[in-house]
Amino acid sequence: MRDEYDFTGSKRGAVAKTAKERITIRLDPDIIEWFRSRVKGGGNYQTLINEALREHIGRQSGTDLESMLRRVLREEPRGDAPAPE
């Protein structure tokens, strides 16, 4: 080890960069407890909240599996309809 280190130009904080944005959000205590109870033994409840929000957005935009299947089934020709010529 060196006797001295030069930290000129160094920055404090986390070393790893992330694509996520830090925000402050106020949630009801029971909501936070529900998510925390799902990650006992490791994990991050904030990740679960992020996944839940992403899933909700997918449902709203119609990109989830159920919406896609419903759309495909509506577009499928029915057996009682005459075949195109």
C-alpha atoms as a PDB file:
ATOM      1  CA  MET A   1       0.000   0.000   0.000  1.00  0.00           C
ATOM      2  CA  ARG A   2       1.056   3.546  -0.619  1.00  0.00           C
ATOM      3  CA  ASP A   3       1.649   6.032   2.142  1.00  0.00           C
ATOM      4  CA  GLU A   4      -0.531   8.596   0.347  1.00  0.00           C
ATOM      5  CA  TYR A   5      -3.197   8.564  -2.347  1.00  0.00           C
ATOM      6  CA  ASP A   6      -4.149  11.428  -4.634  1.00  0.00           C
ATOM      7  CA  PHE A   7      -7.922  11.909  -4.789  1.00  0.00           C
ATOM      8  CA  THR A   8      -7.775  15.125  -6.810  1.00  0.00           C
ATOM      9  CA  GLY A   9     -10.738  15.211  -9.181  1.00  0.00           C
ATOM     10  CA  SER A  10     -12.492  12.363  -7.409  1.00  0.00           C
ATOM     11  CA  LYS A  11     -16.193  12.446  -6.702  1.00  0.00           C
ATOM     12  CA  ARG A  12     -18.009  11.129  -3.667  1.00  0.00           C
ATOM     13  CA  GLY A  13     -20.865   8.711  -4.031  1.00  0.00           C
ATOM     14  CA  ALA A  14     -21.676   5.397  -5.576  1.00  0.00           C
ATOM     15  CA  VAL A  15     -19.195   3.940  -8.026  1.00  0.00           C
ATOM     16  CA  ALA A  16     -21.736   2.099 -10.170  1.00  0.00           C
ATOM     17  CA  LYS A  17     -23.877   4.159 -12.496  1.00  0.00           C
ATOM     18  CA  THR A  18     -27.509   3.299 -13.078  1.00  0.00           C
ATOM     19  CA  ALA A  19     -30.090   4.203 -15.688  1.00  0.00           C
ATOM     20  CA  LYS A  20     -32.662   4.659 -12.950  1.00  0.00           C
ATOM     21  CA  GLU A  21     -33.652   8.048 -11.648  1.00  0.00           C
ATOM     22  CA  ARG A  22     -33.815   8.829  -7.953  1.00  0.00           C
ATOM     23  CA  ILE A  23     -37.132  10.358  -6.881  1.00  0.00           C
ATOM     24  CA  THR A  24     -39.053  10.966  -3.687  1.00  0.00           C
ATOM     25  CA  ILE A  25     -42.484   9.400  -3.560  1.00  0.00           C
ATOM     26  CA  ARG A  26     -44.967   9.170  -0.714  1.00  0.00           C
ATOM     27  CA  LEU A  27     -46.764   5.859  -0.341  1.00  0.00           C
ATOM     28  CA  ASP A  28     -49.149   4.612   2.308  1.00  0.00           C
ATOM     29  CA  PRO A  29     -47.439   2.535   5.006  1.00  0.00           C
ATOM     30  CA  ASP A  30     -49.523  -0.556   4.226  1.00  0.00           C
ATOM     31  CA  ILE A  31     -48.423  -0.428   0.571  1.00  0.00           C
ATOM     32  CA  ILE A  32     -44.752  -0.266   1.547  1.00  0.00           C
ATOM     33  CA  GLU A  33     -45.198  -3.086   4.064  1.00  0.00           C
ATOM     34  CA  TRP A  34     -46.904  -5.262   1.430  1.00  0.00           C
ATOM     35  CA  PHE A  35     -43.941  -4.922  -0.928  1.00  0.00           C
ATOM     36  CA  ARG A  36     -41.374  -5.327   1.865  1.00  0.00           C
ATOM     37  CA  SER A  37     -43.062  -8.517   3.037  1.00  0.00           C
ATOM     38  CA  ARG A  38     -42.553 -10.013  -0.430  1.00  0.00           C
ATOM     39  CA  VAL A  39     -38.749  -9.685  -0.300  1.00  0.00           C
ATOM     40  CA  LYS A  40     -37.914 -11.154   3.096  1.00  0.00           C
ATOM     41  CA  GLY A  41     -34.606 -12.964   2.994  1.00  0.00           C
ATOM     42  CA  GLY A  42     -33.092 -10.631   0.411  1.00  0.00           C
ATOM     43  CA  GLY A  43     -34.116  -8.555  -2.514  1.00  0.00           C
ATOM     44  CA  ASN A  44     -35.305  -5.014  -2.864  1.00  0.00           C
ATOM     45  CA  TYR A  45     -38.885  -3.878  -2.375  1.00  0.00           C
ATOM     46  CA  GLN A  46     -38.248  -0.862  -4.596  1.00  0.00           C
ATOM     47  CA  THR A  47     -37.518  -3.212  -7.488  1.00  0.00           C
ATOM     48  CA  LEU A  48     -40.880  -4.907  -6.889  1.00  0.00           C
ATOM     49  CA  ILE A  49     -42.639  -1.534  -6.921  1.00  0.00           C
ATOM     50  CA  ASN A  50     -40.878  -0.707 -10.203  1.00  0.00           C
ATOM     51  CA  GLU A  51     -41.955  -4.050 -11.715  1.00  0.00           C
ATOM     52  CA  ALA A  52     -45.556  -3.528 -10.563  1.00  0.00           C
ATOM     53  CA  LEU A  53     -45.648  -0.078 -12.139  1.00  0.00           C
ATOM     54  CA  ARG A  54     -44.111  -1.385 -15.365  1.00  0.00           C
ATOM     55  CA  GLU A  55     -46.713  -4.191 -15.525  1.00  0.00           C
ATOM     56  CA  HIS A  56     -49.521  -1.703 -14.944  1.00  0.00           C
ATOM     57  CA  ILE A  57     -48.214   0.524 -17.744  1.00  0.00           C
ATOM     58  CA  GLY A  58     -48.032  -2.516 -20.042  1.00  0.00           C
ATOM     59  CA  ARG A  59     -51.667  -3.340 -19.324  1.00  0.00           C
ATOM     60  CA  GLN A  60     -52.764   0.227 -19.930  1.00  0.00           C
ATOM     61  CA  SER A  61     -50.944   0.376 -23.266  1.00  0.00           C
ATOM     62  CA  GLY A  62     -52.209  -3.028 -24.368  1.00  0.00           C
ATOM     63  CA  THR A  63     -48.794  -4.661 -24.588  1.00  0.00           C
ATOM     64  CA  ASP A  64     -49.441  -7.355 -21.997  1.00  0.00           C
ATOM     65  CA  LEU A  65     -50.062 -10.958 -23.041  1.00  0.00           C
ATOM     66  CA  GLU A  66     -53.775 -10.950 -22.192  1.00  0.00           C
ATOM     67  CA  SER A  67     -54.467  -7.836 -24.256  1.00  0.00           C
ATOM     68  CA  MET A  68     -52.465  -9.215 -27.166  1.00  0.00           C
ATOM     69  CA  LEU A  69     -54.339 -12.545 -27.103  1.00  0.00           C
ATOM     70  CA  ARG A  70     -57.709 -10.806 -26.947  1.00  0.00           C
ATOM     71  CA  ARG A  71     -56.750  -8.631 -29.917  1.00  0.00           C
ATOM     72  CA  VAL A  72     -55.593 -11.657 -31.938  1.00  0.00           C
ATOM     73  CA  LEU A  73     -58.744 -13.626 -31.121  1.00  0.00           C
ATOM     74  CA  ARG A  74     -60.927 -10.725 -32.226  1.00  0.00           C
ATOM     75  CA  GLU A  75     -59.061 -10.623 -35.543  1.00  0.00           C
ATOM     76  CA  GLU A  76     -59.223 -14.388 -36.171  1.00  0.00           C
ATOM     77  CA  PRO A  77     -61.925 -15.433 -38.639  1.00  0.00           C
ATOM     78  CA  ARG A  78     -64.633 -17.547 -37.077  1.00  0.00           C
ATOM     79  CA  GLY A  79     -65.524 -21.016 -38.308  1.00  0.00           C
ATOM     80  CA  ASP A  80     -69.073 -19.943 -39.216  1.00  0.00           C
ATOM     81  CA  ALA A  81     -67.949 -17.063 -41.419  1.00  0.00           C
ATOM     82  CA  PRO A  82     -67.672 -17.697 -45.162  1.00  0.00           C
ATOM     83  CA  ALA A  83     -64.111 -18.201 -46.386  1.00  0.00           C
ATOM     84  CA  PRO A  84     -62.708 -15.417 -48.581  1.00  0.00           C
ATOM     85  CA  GLU A  85     -62.534 -16.267 -52.273  1.00  0.00           C
END
